[in-house]
C-alpha atoms as a PDB file:
ATOM      1  CA  MET A   1      84.879  63.891 102.938  1.00  0.00           C
ATOM      2  CA  LYS A   2      87.950  61.660 103.235  1.00  0.00           C
ATOM      3  CA  LYS A   3      90.743  62.844 105.530  1.00  0.00           C
ATOM      4  CA  ILE A   4      94.397  62.793 104.471  1.00  0.00           C
ATOM      5  CA  LEU A   5      97.132  63.134 107.091  1.00  0.00           C
ATOM      6  CA  VAL A   6     100.253  64.723 105.574  1.00  0.00           C
ATOM      7  CA  VAL A   7     103.365  64.097 107.714  1.00  0.00           C
ATOM      8  CA  GLU A   8     106.036  66.241 106.029  1.00  0.00           C
ATOM      9  CA  ASP A   9     108.575  68.539 107.703  1.00  0.00           C
ATOM     10  CA  GLU A  10     109.209  70.697 104.618  1.00  0.00           C
ATOM     11  CA  ILE A  11     106.457  73.289 104.991  1.00  0.00           C
ATOM     12  CA  ALA A  12     106.501  74.379 101.341  1.00  0.00           C
ATOM     13  CA  ILE A  13     105.969  70.798 100.128  1.00  0.00           C
ATOM     14  CA  SER A  14     103.283  70.191 102.741  1.00  0.00           C
ATOM     15  CA  MET A  15     101.380  73.316 101.701  1.00  0.00           C
ATOM     16  CA  VAL A  16     101.491  72.380  98.004  1.00  0.00           C
ATOM     17  CA  LEU A  17     100.172  68.913  98.795  1.00  0.00           C
ATOM     18  CA  LYS A  18      97.432  70.418 100.948  1.00  0.00           C
ATOM     19  CA  ALA A  19      96.315  72.781  98.173  1.00  0.00           C
ATOM     20  CA  TYR A  20      96.099  70.057  95.540  1.00  0.00           C
ATOM     21  CA  LEU A  21      94.428  67.526  97.826  1.00  0.00           C
ATOM     22  CA  GLN A  22      91.847  70.054  98.974  1.00  0.00           C
ATOM     23  CA  ARG A  23      91.096  70.931  95.365  1.00  0.00           C
ATOM     24  CA  ALA A  24      90.470  67.209  94.770  1.00  0.00           C
ATOM     25  CA  GLY A  25      87.912  67.200  97.584  1.00  0.00           C
ATOM     26  CA  PHE A  26      89.930  65.915 100.555  1.00  0.00           C
ATOM     27  CA  GLU A  27      90.202  67.262 104.069  1.00  0.00           C
ATOM     28  CA  VAL A  28      93.894  67.680 104.924  1.00  0.00           C
ATOM     29  CA  ILE A  29      95.568  67.537 108.336  1.00  0.00           C
ATOM     30  CA  GLN A  30      99.255  68.512 108.496  1.00  0.00           C
ATOM     31  CA  VAL A  31     102.020  67.401 110.861  1.00  0.00           C
ATOM     32  CA  TYR A  32     105.611  68.644 110.600  1.00  0.00           C
ATOM     33  CA  ASP A  33     107.272  66.627 113.401  1.00  0.00           C
ATOM     34  CA  GLY A  34     107.687  62.860 113.581  1.00  0.00           C
ATOM     35  CA  LEU A  35     107.149  62.835 117.341  1.00  0.00           C
ATOM     36  CA  LYS A  36     103.632  64.246 116.940  1.00  0.00           C
ATOM     37  CA  ALA A  37     102.547  62.024 114.069  1.00  0.00           C
ATOM     38  CA  MET A  38     101.058  59.128 116.032  1.00  0.00           C
ATOM     39  CA  SER A  39      99.104  61.252 118.482  1.00  0.00           C
ATOM     40  CA  VAL A  40      97.523  63.172 115.604  1.00  0.00           C
ATOM     41  CA  PHE A  41      96.900  59.925 113.708  1.00  0.00           C
ATOM     42  CA  THR A  42      95.055  58.486 116.705  1.00  0.00           C
ATOM     43  CA  ASP A  43      93.035  61.667 117.215  1.00  0.00           C
ATOM     44  CA  VAL A  44      91.862  62.251 113.645  1.00  0.00           C
ATOM     45  CA  GLN A  45      91.701  58.650 112.327  1.00  0.00           C
ATOM     46  CA  PRO A  46      92.639  59.617 108.744  1.00  0.00           C
ATOM     47  CA  ASP A  47      91.596  57.663 105.669  1.00  0.00           C
ATOM     48  CA  LEU A  48      95.145  57.780 104.243  1.00  0.00           C
ATOM     49  CA  VAL A  49      98.582  58.983 105.357  1.00  0.00           C
ATOM     50  CA  LEU A  50     101.236  60.670 103.201  1.00  0.00           C
ATOM     51  CA  LEU A  51     104.351  59.985 105.249  1.00  0.00           C
ATOM     52  CA  ASP A  52     107.816  61.452 104.696  1.00  0.00           C
ATOM     53  CA  VAL A  53     110.742  59.169 105.528  1.00  0.00           C
ATOM     54  CA  MET A  54     113.191  61.754 106.887  1.00  0.00           C
ATOM     55  CA  LEU A  55     111.471  63.584 109.747  1.00  0.00           C
ATOM     56  CA  PRO A  56     112.715  65.396 112.858  1.00  0.00           C
ATOM     57  CA  GLY A  57     112.181  63.453 116.076  1.00  0.00           C
ATOM     58  CA  LYS A  58     111.218  60.108 114.558  1.00  0.00           C
ATOM     59  CA  GLU A  59     111.770  58.513 111.142  1.00  0.00           C
ATOM     60  CA  GLY A  60     108.933  57.654 108.838  1.00  0.00           C
ATOM     61  CA  TRP A  61     109.757  53.937 108.954  1.00  0.00           C
ATOM     62  CA  ASP A  62     109.215  53.900 112.719  1.00  0.00           C
ATOM     63  CA  ILE A  63     105.933  55.776 112.371  1.00  0.00           C
ATOM     64  CA  LEU A  64     104.807  53.335 109.681  1.00  0.00           C
ATOM     65  CA  SER A  65     105.534  50.399 112.000  1.00  0.00           C
ATOM     66  CA  GLU A  66     103.503  52.015 114.775  1.00  0.00           C
ATOM     67  CA  ILE A  67     100.599  52.674 112.410  1.00  0.00           C
ATOM     68  CA  ARG A  68     100.629  49.049 111.297  1.00  0.00           C
ATOM     69  CA  GLU A  69     100.482  47.850 114.898  1.00  0.00           C
ATOM     70  CA  GLU A  70      97.033  49.384 115.262  1.00  0.00           C
ATOM     71  CA  SER A  71      95.598  50.115 111.824  1.00  0.00           C
ATOM     72  CA  ALA A  72      95.320  49.020 108.190  1.00  0.00           C
ATOM     73  CA  CYS A  73      95.024  52.667 107.125  1.00  0.00           C
ATOM     74  CA  PRO A  74      96.668  53.137 103.682  1.00  0.00           C
ATOM     75  CA  VAL A  75     100.112  54.783 103.849  1.00  0.00           C
ATOM     76  CA  ILE A  76     102.071  56.313 100.962  1.00  0.00           C
ATOM     77  CA  MET A  77     105.739  57.003 101.697  1.00  0.00           C
ATOM     78  CA  LEU A  78     107.355  60.239 100.475  1.00  0.00           C
ATOM     79  CA  THR A  79     111.130  60.478 100.247  1.00  0.00           C
ATOM     80  CA  ALA A  80     114.024  61.896  98.291  1.00  0.00           C
ATOM     81  CA  LEU A  81     115.833  58.589  98.644  1.00  0.00           C
ATOM     82  CA  THR A  82     115.841  56.720  95.342  1.00  0.00           C
ATOM     83  CA  ASP A  83     117.763  53.571  96.307  1.00  0.00           C
ATOM     84  CA  VAL A  84     115.674  50.477  95.562  1.00  0.00           C
ATOM     85  CA  ASP A  85     116.456  49.078  99.015  1.00  0.00           C
ATOM     86  CA  TYR A  86     114.484  51.902 100.601  1.00  0.00           C
ATOM     87  CA  ARG A  87     111.518  51.144  98.397  1.00  0.00           C
ATOM     88  CA  LEU A  88     111.640  47.467  99.305  1.00  0.00           C
ATOM     89  CA  SER A  89     111.943  48.388 102.959  1.00  0.00           C
ATOM     90  CA  GLY A  90     108.826  50.513 102.682  1.00  0.00           C
ATOM     91  CA  PHE A  91     106.736  47.813 101.058  1.00  0.00           C
ATOM     92  CA  GLN A  92     107.988  45.131 103.448  1.00  0.00           C
ATOM     93  CA  SER A  93     107.051  47.365 106.373  1.00  0.00           C
ATOM     94  CA  GLY A  94     103.490  47.697 105.116  1.00  0.00           C
ATOM     95  CA  ALA A  95     103.525  50.796 102.902  1.00  0.00           C
ATOM     96  CA  ASP A  96     100.850  50.841 100.209  1.00  0.00           C
ATOM     97  CA  ASP A  97     102.812  52.972  97.750  1.00  0.00           C
ATOM     98  CA  TYR A  98     106.057  54.921  97.453  1.00  0.00           C
ATOM     99  CA  ILE A  99     106.639  58.295  95.776  1.00  0.00           C
ATOM    100  CA  ALA A 100     110.140  59.690  95.290  1.00  0.00           C
ATOM    101  CA  LYS A 101     110.864  63.412  95.437  1.00  0.00           C
ATOM    102  CA  PRO A 102     110.757  65.588  93.456  1.00  0.00           C
ATOM    103  CA  PHE A 103     107.233  64.734  92.414  1.00  0.00           C
ATOM    104  CA  VAL A 104     104.352  66.364  90.560  1.00  0.00           C
ATOM    105  CA  ALA A 105     101.488  67.222  92.926  1.00  0.00           C
ATOM    106  CA  ASP A 106      98.885  66.051  90.398  1.00  0.00           C
ATOM    107  CA  GLU A 107     100.562  62.641  90.373  1.00  0.00           C
ATOM    108  CA  VAL A 108     100.401  62.446  94.158  1.00  0.00           C
ATOM    109  CA  VAL A 109      96.649  63.142  94.048  1.00  0.00           C
ATOM    110  CA  ALA A 110      96.197  60.442  91.406  1.00  0.00           C
ATOM    111  CA  ARG A 111      98.198  57.943  93.482  1.00  0.00           C
ATOM    112  CA  VAL A 112      96.167  58.801  96.577  1.00  0.00           C
ATOM    113  CA  GLN A 113      92.987  58.163  94.608  1.00  0.00           C
ATOM    114  CA  ALA A 114      94.369  54.887  93.276  1.00  0.00           C
ATOM    115  CA  VAL A 115      95.403  53.595  96.717  1.00  0.00           C
ATOM    116  CA  LEU A 116      92.035  54.531  98.209  1.00  0.00           C
ATOM    117  CA  ARG A 117      90.295  52.830  95.308  1.00  0.00           C
ATOM    118  CA  ARG A 118      92.115  49.582  96.109  1.00  0.00           C
ATOM    119  CA  SER A 119      91.451  49.817  99.833  1.00  0.00           C
ATOM    120  CA  PRO A 120      88.672  47.473 101.054  1.00  0.00           C
ATOM    121  CA  ARG A 121      87.528  50.256 103.382  1.00  0.00           C
ATOM    122  CA  PHE A 122      86.151  52.199 100.445  1.00  0.00           C
ATOM    123  CA  VAL A 123      84.573  49.510  98.290  1.00  0.00           C
ATOM    124  CA  THR A 124      81.020  50.839  98.031  1.00  0.00           C
ATOM    125  CA  GLU A 125      78.029  50.294  95.816  1.00  0.00           C
ATOM    126  CA  GLU A 126      77.583  52.593  92.862  1.00  0.00           C
ATOM    127  CA  SER A 127      75.344  55.588  93.419  1.00  0.00           C
ATOM    128  CA  GLU A 128      74.113  58.461  91.298  1.00  0.00           C
ATOM    129  CA  GLU A 129      76.165  60.836  93.434  1.00  0.00           C
ATOM    130  CA  HIS A 130      79.539  59.809  92.045  1.00  0.00           C
ATOM    131  CA  ILE A 131      78.834  57.665  88.968  1.00  0.00           C
ATOM    132  CA  ARG A 132      77.842  58.928  85.531  1.00  0.00           C
ATOM    133  CA  LYS A 133      77.400  56.831  82.423  1.00  0.00           C
ATOM    134  CA  PHE A 134      77.456  58.162  78.890  1.00  0.00           C
ATOM    135  CA  GLY A 135      76.592  55.168  76.787  1.00  0.00           C
ATOM    136  CA  ARG A 136      79.497  52.729  77.074  1.00  0.00           C
ATOM    137  CA  LEU A 137      81.569  55.269  78.999  1.00  0.00           C
ATOM    138  CA  ARG A 138      81.485  55.136  82.810  1.00  0.00           C
ATOM    139  CA  VAL A 139      82.893  57.993  84.907  1.00  0.00           C
ATOM    140  CA  ASP A 140      83.497  57.532  88.629  1.00  0.00           C
ATOM    141  CA  PHE A 141      84.223  60.851  90.339  1.00  0.00           C
ATOM    142  CA  GLN A 142      84.889  59.184  93.691  1.00  0.00           C
ATOM    143  CA  ALA A 143      87.325  56.572  92.392  1.00  0.00           C
ATOM    144  CA  TYR A 144      88.830  59.066  89.921  1.00  0.00           C
ATOM    145  CA  THR A 145      88.440  56.690  86.962  1.00  0.00           C
ATOM    146  CA  VAL A 146      87.081  56.625  83.420  1.00  0.00           C
ATOM    147  CA  GLU A 147      86.115  53.266  81.921  1.00  0.00           C
ATOM    148  CA  LEU A 148      85.104  52.297  78.403  1.00  0.00           C
ATOM    149  CA  ASP A 149      83.460  48.899  78.029  1.00  0.00           C
ATOM    150  CA  ASN A 150      84.555  48.075  81.596  1.00  0.00           C
ATOM    151  CA  GLN A 151      88.213  48.770  80.781  1.00  0.00           C
ATOM    152  CA  GLU A 152      89.921  51.685  82.510  1.00  0.00           C
ATOM    153  CA  VAL A 153      91.040  54.413  80.121  1.00  0.00           C
ATOM    154  CA  ASN A 154      94.713  55.226  80.728  1.00  0.00           C
ATOM    155  CA  LEU A 155      95.031  58.994  81.195  1.00  0.00           C
ATOM    156  CA  THR A 156      97.674  61.244  82.717  1.00  0.00           C
ATOM    157  CA  PRO A 157      96.574  62.934  85.970  1.00  0.00           C
ATOM    158  CA  ARG A 158      96.107  66.275  84.193  1.00  0.00           C
ATOM    159  CA  ASP A 159      94.134  64.805  81.295  1.00  0.00           C
ATOM    160  CA  LEU A 160      92.012  62.840  83.752  1.00  0.00           C
ATOM    161  CA  SER A 161      91.274  65.988  85.744  1.00  0.00           C
ATOM    162  CA  LEU A 162      90.261  67.750  82.539  1.00  0.00           C
ATOM    163  CA  PHE A 163      87.919  64.995  81.448  1.00  0.00           C
ATOM    164  CA  LEU A 164      86.338  64.706  84.895  1.00  0.00           C
ATOM    165  CA  PHE A 165      85.644  68.439  84.770  1.00  0.00           C
ATOM    166  CA  PHE A 166      83.984  68.032  81.379  1.00  0.00           C
ATOM    167  CA  ALA A 167      81.979  65.056  82.648  1.00  0.00           C
ATOM    168  CA  LYS A 168      80.671  67.091  85.571  1.00  0.00           C
ATOM    169  CA  HIS A 169      79.459  69.738  83.120  1.00  0.00           C
ATOM    170  CA  PRO A 170      78.289  67.888  79.998  1.00  0.00           C
ATOM    171  CA  ASN A 171      77.036  69.900  77.036  1.00  0.00           C
ATOM    172  CA  GLN A 172      78.494  73.122  78.448  1.00  0.00           C
ATOM    173  CA  ILE A 173      81.002  75.235  76.514  1.00  0.00           C
ATOM    174  CA  PHE A 174      84.269  76.330  78.140  1.00  0.00           C
ATOM    175  CA  THR A 175      86.946  78.649  76.787  1.00  0.00           C
ATOM    176  CA  ARG A 176      90.626  77.772  77.129  1.00  0.00           C
ATOM    177  CA  GLU A 177      90.928  80.397  79.853  1.00  0.00           C
ATOM    178  CA  GLN A 178      88.096  78.845  81.860  1.00  0.00           C
ATOM    179  CA  LEU A 179      89.600  75.375  81.556  1.00  0.00           C
ATOM    180  CA  ILE A 180      93.014  76.672  82.633  1.00  0.00           C
ATOM    181  CA  GLU A 181      91.422  78.303  85.683  1.00  0.00           C
ATOM    182  CA  HIS A 182      89.380  75.262  86.732  1.00  0.00           C
ATOM    183  CA  VAL A 183      91.813  72.457  85.881  1.00  0.00           C
ATOM    184  CA  TRP A 184      95.342  73.873  85.735  1.00  0.00           C
ATOM    185  CA  GLY A 185      94.737  76.442  88.484  1.00  0.00           C
ATOM    186  CA  MET A 186      95.157  80.188  88.788  1.00  0.00           C
ATOM    187  CA  ASP A 187      98.870  79.809  89.532  1.00  0.00           C
ATOM    188  CA  TYR A 188      99.534  78.084  86.186  1.00  0.00           C
ATOM    189  CA  VAL A 189     102.308  79.699  84.186  1.00  0.00           C
ATOM    190  CA  GLY A 190     102.388  78.638  80.561  1.00  0.00           C
ATOM    191  CA  SER A 191     100.601  78.741  77.238  1.00  0.00           C
ATOM    192  CA  ASP A 192      96.877  78.065  76.962  1.00  0.00           C
ATOM    193  CA  ARG A 193      97.818  75.789  74.061  1.00  0.00           C
ATOM    194  CA  ALA A 194      98.320  73.173  76.776  1.00  0.00           C
ATOM    195  CA  VAL A 195      94.531  72.822  76.673  1.00  0.00           C
ATOM    196  CA  ASP A 196      94.605  72.000  72.952  1.00  0.00           C
ATOM    197  CA  LEU A 197      97.252  69.331  73.498  1.00  0.00           C
ATOM    198  CA  ALA A 198      95.305  67.796  76.374  1.00  0.00           C
ATOM    199  CA  ILE A 199      92.142  67.716  74.248  1.00  0.00           C
ATOM    200  CA  LYS A 200      94.073  65.986  71.471  1.00  0.00           C
ATOM    201  CA  ARG A 201      95.320  63.321  73.914  1.00  0.00           C
ATOM    202  CA  LEU A 202      91.824  62.801  75.316  1.00  0.00           C
ATOM    203  CA  ARG A 203      90.367  62.282  71.857  1.00  0.00           C
ATOM    204  CA  LYS A 204      93.087  59.745  71.104  1.00  0.00           C
ATOM    205  CA  ALA A 205      92.455  57.891  74.379  1.00  0.00           C
ATOM    206  CA  LEU A 206      88.693  57.836  73.706  1.00  0.00           C
ATOM    207  CA  GLU A 207      88.825  57.049  70.006  1.00  0.00           C
ATOM    208  CA  GLU A 208      86.851  53.812  70.578  1.00  0.00           C
ATOM    209  CA  TRP A 209      83.996  55.729  72.226  1.00  0.00           C
ATOM    210  CA  PRO A 210      81.209  55.941  69.601  1.00  0.00           C
ATOM    211  CA  GLU A 211      80.414  59.462  68.421  1.00  0.00           C
ATOM    212  CA  SER A 212      76.758  58.480  68.625  1.00  0.00           C
ATOM    213  CA  GLU A 213      77.168  58.476  72.430  1.00  0.00           C
ATOM    214  CA  GLY A 214      79.393  61.492  72.898  1.00  0.00           C
ATOM    215  CA  GLU A 215      82.487  63.424  71.856  1.00  0.00           C
ATOM    216  CA  ILE A 216      84.665  66.390  72.779  1.00  0.00           C
ATOM    217  CA  LYS A 217      83.708  69.114  70.339  1.00  0.00           C
ATOM    218  CA  THR A 218      85.621  72.188  69.255  1.00  0.00           C
ATOM    219  CA  LEU A 219      83.320  75.159  68.798  1.00  0.00           C
ATOM    220  CA  ARG A 220      85.383  77.662  66.849  1.00  0.00           C
ATOM    221  CA  GLY A 221      85.551  81.050  68.481  1.00  0.00           C
ATOM    222  CA  LEU A 222      83.850  79.711  71.613  1.00  0.00           C
ATOM    223  CA  GLY A 223      85.811  76.835  73.145  1.00  0.00           C
ATOM    224  CA  TYR A 224      85.364  73.157  73.935  1.00  0.00           C
ATOM    225  CA  GLN A 225      82.404  71.057  74.957  1.00  0.00           C
ATOM    226  CA  LEU A 226      81.780  67.478  76.032  1.00  0.00           C
ATOM    227  CA  SER A 227      78.694  66.695  73.960  1.00  0.00           C
ATOM    228  CA  VAL A 228      76.859  63.610  75.230  1.00  0.00           C
ATOM    229  CA  TYR A 229      73.817  61.992  73.673  1.00  0.00           C
ATOM    230  CA  GLN A 230      73.248  58.990  75.992  1.00  0.00           C
ATOM    231  CA  SER A 231      73.411  58.767  79.776  1.00  0.00           C
END
């Protein structure tokens, strides 16, 4: 299990990030004070750091510089500052990505996955544990990607999460309520029609995937199913 170090002094934001990252399969270590960040970093040796810029005790830029003196660990900067100069400063100092507040937690998870996917530390051979192929469609649960004919399918973080859930449970039927619970989360407040819209977007994104290999079916009165015929 990959470890994510979240260095964020706003406890509410840190807890939201922890919840979403844990749901995505990460172990999360939290630090709320800039002065403690490096000692914890050295102790736990995380696989990626989410690092706030404005921290009590020591700024994120200084922590980033210290990390880069001893490690190539991926670092994503978190900040409410939107000035382009701050973004350039982050990249020039060795940041791997930059996310401005306010952000959507699902997007942060997707960006974490993307940065880890690019990191040489995690380039591994394919294995049955995290790769599934349905005809021309290739699903990588570790890299958080869906590819059709070796081209990555462009999906929003939510739609990607939905399709990965389907791909983990092919040929099983799920009601809207079950999909909301497993993908949107129990704390979701909104209409279950969001599922229908997500399904519509997925079908559009996968319109080149032959129906002879698989499709997302609507079973009236029952729910939705990823029906696959080749794997």
